[in-house]
């Protein structure tokens, strides 16, 4: 076999290996859009989250404590998006990030408290 034939064969073999590697690189890997969504927390899980994250300042019944106001009747002051924003970013003495990833669920729950 001549030098040209060997070089061509090496080039073809390298191309085949590269092509196979690219073709199989995505096997078993889901694209972000194909990944299963995480299930929403249950009502009990949200209540437990509120108890663990909020009661130290807002009181055991979240009707207000020495350090923070009542979380009841928030619908008279805020909508769900505003509450979720406060949970994400904090406001005044309220620290941010107490319920990471659950802000919308907790905001929805808090709006049910009368």
C-alpha atoms as a PDB file:
ATOM      1  CA  UNK A   1       0.000   0.000   0.000  1.00  0.00           C
ATOM      2  CA  UNK A   2       1.356   3.415  -0.945  1.00  0.00           C
ATOM      3  CA  UNK A   3       1.708   6.492   1.193  1.00  0.00           C
ATOM      4  CA  UNK A   4      -1.305   8.102  -0.473  1.00  0.00           C
ATOM      5  CA  UNK A   5      -3.498   5.060   0.146  1.00  0.00           C
ATOM      6  CA  UNK A   6      -2.472   4.876   3.810  1.00  0.00           C
ATOM      7  CA  UNK A   7      -3.089   8.575   4.328  1.00  0.00           C
ATOM      8  CA  UNK A   8      -6.510   8.317   2.685  1.00  0.00           C
ATOM      9  CA  UNK A   9      -7.384   5.231   4.762  1.00  0.00           C
ATOM     10  CA  UNK A  10      -6.305   7.013   7.983  1.00  0.00           C
ATOM     11  CA  UNK A  11      -8.340  10.042   7.050  1.00  0.00           C
ATOM     12  CA  UNK A  12     -11.427   7.926   6.335  1.00  0.00           C
ATOM     13  CA  UNK A  13     -11.013   5.935   9.564  1.00  0.00           C
ATOM     14  CA  UNK A  14     -10.629   9.132  11.591  1.00  0.00           C
ATOM     15  CA  UNK A  15     -13.728  10.597   9.965  1.00  0.00           C
ATOM     16  CA  UNK A  16     -15.693   7.432  10.723  1.00  0.00           C
ATOM     17  CA  UNK A  17     -14.653   7.482  14.382  1.00  0.00           C
ATOM     18  CA  UNK A  18     -15.558  11.178  14.642  1.00  0.00           C
ATOM     19  CA  UNK A  19     -18.925  10.604  12.968  1.00  0.00           C
ATOM     20  CA  UNK A  20     -19.784   7.690  15.256  1.00  0.00           C
ATOM     21  CA  UNK A  21     -18.709   9.631  18.304  1.00  0.00           C
ATOM     22  CA  UNK A  22     -20.956  12.541  17.382  1.00  0.00           C
ATOM     23  CA  UNK A  23     -23.847  10.258  16.509  1.00  0.00           C
ATOM     24  CA  UNK A  24     -23.741   8.397  19.817  1.00  0.00           C
ATOM     25  CA  UNK A  25     -22.790  11.314  22.078  1.00  0.00           C
ATOM     26  CA  UNK A  26     -26.434  12.152  22.789  1.00  0.00           C
ATOM     27  CA  UNK A  27     -27.632   8.645  23.603  1.00  0.00           C
ATOM     28  CA  UNK A  28     -29.197   8.458  27.048  1.00  0.00           C
ATOM     29  CA  UNK A  29     -29.105  12.233  27.467  1.00  0.00           C
ATOM     30  CA  UNK A  30     -32.395  14.071  27.373  1.00  0.00           C
ATOM     31  CA  UNK A  31     -32.567  17.553  26.028  1.00  0.00           C
ATOM     32  CA  UNK A  32     -33.675  20.133  28.579  1.00  0.00           C
ATOM     33  CA  UNK A  33     -37.048  20.426  26.876  1.00  0.00           C
ATOM     34  CA  UNK A  34     -37.542  16.645  27.107  1.00  0.00           C
ATOM     35  CA  UNK A  35     -36.690  16.300  30.802  1.00  0.00           C
ATOM     36  CA  UNK A  36     -39.538  15.383  33.103  1.00  0.00           C
ATOM     37  CA  UNK A  37     -40.912  18.232  35.148  1.00  0.00           C
ATOM     38  CA  UNK A  38     -40.515  18.107  38.901  1.00  0.00           C
ATOM     39  CA  UNK A  39     -43.823  17.454  40.610  1.00  0.00           C
ATOM     40  CA  UNK A  40     -45.403  20.366  42.424  1.00  0.00           C
ATOM     41  CA  UNK A  41     -45.249  20.101  46.215  1.00  0.00           C
ATOM     42  CA  UNK A  42     -48.341  18.853  48.010  1.00  0.00           C
ATOM     43  CA  UNK A  43     -50.410  21.115  50.263  1.00  0.00           C
ATOM     44  CA  UNK A  44     -48.883  19.382  53.282  1.00  0.00           C
ATOM     45  CA  UNK A  45     -45.363  19.992  51.992  1.00  0.00           C
ATOM     46  CA  UNK A  46     -46.120  23.669  51.426  1.00  0.00           C
ATOM     47  CA  UNK A  47     -47.578  24.004  54.927  1.00  0.00           C
ATOM     48  CA  UNK A  48     -44.499  22.312  56.385  1.00  0.00           C
ATOM     49  CA  UNK A  49     -42.274  24.654  54.389  1.00  0.00           C
ATOM     50  CA  UNK A  50     -44.156  27.693  55.703  1.00  0.00           C
ATOM     51  CA  UNK A  51     -43.881  26.339  59.257  1.00  0.00           C
ATOM     52  CA  UNK A  52     -40.131  25.836  58.947  1.00  0.00           C
ATOM     53  CA  UNK A  53     -39.327  29.037  57.030  1.00  0.00           C
ATOM     54  CA  UNK A  54     -41.814  31.623  58.291  1.00  0.00           C
ATOM     55  CA  UNK A  55     -42.945  30.967  61.849  1.00  0.00           C
ATOM     56  CA  UNK A  56     -39.750  32.057  63.571  1.00  0.00           C
ATOM     57  CA  UNK A  57     -40.528  35.659  62.586  1.00  0.00           C
ATOM     58  CA  UNK A  58     -44.245  35.657  61.702  1.00  0.00           C
ATOM     59  CA  UNK A  59     -45.394  33.601  64.710  1.00  0.00           C
ATOM     60  CA  UNK A  60     -46.514  29.982  65.095  1.00  0.00           C
ATOM     61  CA  UNK A  61     -49.838  30.703  63.397  1.00  0.00           C
ATOM     62  CA  UNK A  62     -48.226  33.254  61.015  1.00  0.00           C
ATOM     63  CA  UNK A  63     -50.612  35.899  62.367  1.00  0.00           C
ATOM     64  CA  UNK A  64     -47.700  38.125  63.245  1.00  0.00           C
ATOM     65  CA  UNK A  65     -44.804  37.985  65.608  1.00  0.00           C
ATOM     66  CA  UNK A  66     -42.466  40.352  67.368  1.00  0.00           C
ATOM     67  CA  UNK A  67     -40.275  40.590  64.295  1.00  0.00           C
ATOM     68  CA  UNK A  68     -42.754  40.443  61.394  1.00  0.00           C
ATOM     69  CA  UNK A  69     -46.378  41.139  60.422  1.00  0.00           C
ATOM     70  CA  UNK A  70     -49.246  38.715  59.878  1.00  0.00           C
ATOM     71  CA  UNK A  71     -49.274  36.650  56.712  1.00  0.00           C
ATOM     72  CA  UNK A  72     -53.076  36.430  56.813  1.00  0.00           C
ATOM     73  CA  UNK A  73     -55.195  38.563  54.464  1.00  0.00           C
ATOM     74  CA  UNK A  74     -52.239  39.322  52.216  1.00  0.00           C
ATOM     75  CA  UNK A  75     -54.658  39.453  49.284  1.00  0.00           C
ATOM     76  CA  UNK A  76     -55.659  42.909  50.518  1.00  0.00           C
ATOM     77  CA  UNK A  77     -52.131  44.190  49.980  1.00  0.00           C
ATOM     78  CA  UNK A  78     -50.356  41.996  47.405  1.00  0.00           C
ATOM     79  CA  UNK A  79     -51.067  39.729  44.482  1.00  0.00           C
ATOM     80  CA  UNK A  80     -49.408  36.341  44.015  1.00  0.00           C
ATOM     81  CA  UNK A  81     -46.619  37.678  41.785  1.00  0.00           C
ATOM     82  CA  UNK A  82     -45.718  40.369  44.338  1.00  0.00           C
ATOM     83  CA  UNK A  83     -45.588  37.854  47.195  1.00  0.00           C
ATOM     84  CA  UNK A  84     -43.450  35.483  45.140  1.00  0.00           C
ATOM     85  CA  UNK A  85     -41.115  38.381  44.329  1.00  0.00           C
ATOM     86  CA  UNK A  86     -40.764  39.236  48.034  1.00  0.00           C
ATOM     87  CA  UNK A  87     -40.009  35.581  48.786  1.00  0.00           C
ATOM     88  CA  UNK A  88     -37.357  35.502  46.048  1.00  0.00           C
ATOM     89  CA  UNK A  89     -35.725  38.874  46.667  1.00  0.00           C
ATOM     90  CA  UNK A  90     -36.636  39.873  50.210  1.00  0.00           C
ATOM     91  CA  UNK A  91     -38.088  43.193  51.315  1.00  0.00           C
ATOM     92  CA  UNK A  92     -37.265  45.338  54.327  1.00  0.00           C
ATOM     93  CA  UNK A  93     -36.305  42.920  57.102  1.00  0.00           C
ATOM     94  CA  UNK A  94     -37.563  39.916  55.123  1.00  0.00           C
ATOM     95  CA  UNK A  95     -34.557  37.951  53.857  1.00  0.00           C
ATOM     96  CA  UNK A  96     -34.521  36.498  50.361  1.00  0.00           C
ATOM     97  CA  UNK A  97     -34.337  32.850  49.421  1.00  0.00           C
ATOM     98  CA  UNK A  98     -36.105  31.196  52.371  1.00  0.00           C
ATOM     99  CA  UNK A  99     -38.164  28.878  50.121  1.00  0.00           C
ATOM    100  CA  UNK A 100     -35.960  28.473  47.025  1.00  0.00           C
ATOM    101  CA  UNK A 101     -37.830  27.129  44.021  1.00  0.00           C
ATOM    102  CA  UNK A 102     -41.136  27.168  45.877  1.00  0.00           C
ATOM    103  CA  UNK A 103     -41.913  30.883  45.908  1.00  0.00           C
ATOM    104  CA  UNK A 104     -44.938  30.636  43.613  1.00  0.00           C
ATOM    105  CA  UNK A 105     -46.433  27.724  45.569  1.00  0.00           C
ATOM    106  CA  UNK A 106     -45.914  29.420  48.923  1.00  0.00           C
ATOM    107  CA  UNK A 107     -47.315  32.704  47.592  1.00  0.00           C
ATOM    108  CA  UNK A 108     -50.420  30.909  46.358  1.00  0.00           C
ATOM    109  CA  UNK A 109     -50.826  29.205  49.761  1.00  0.00           C
ATOM    110  CA  UNK A 110     -50.359  32.435  51.713  1.00  0.00           C
ATOM    111  CA  UNK A 111     -53.147  34.075  49.723  1.00  0.00           C
ATOM    112  CA  UNK A 112     -55.545  31.452  51.100  1.00  0.00           C
ATOM    113  CA  UNK A 113     -54.918  32.494  54.711  1.00  0.00           C
ATOM    114  CA  UNK A 114     -57.764  34.654  56.002  1.00  0.00           C
END
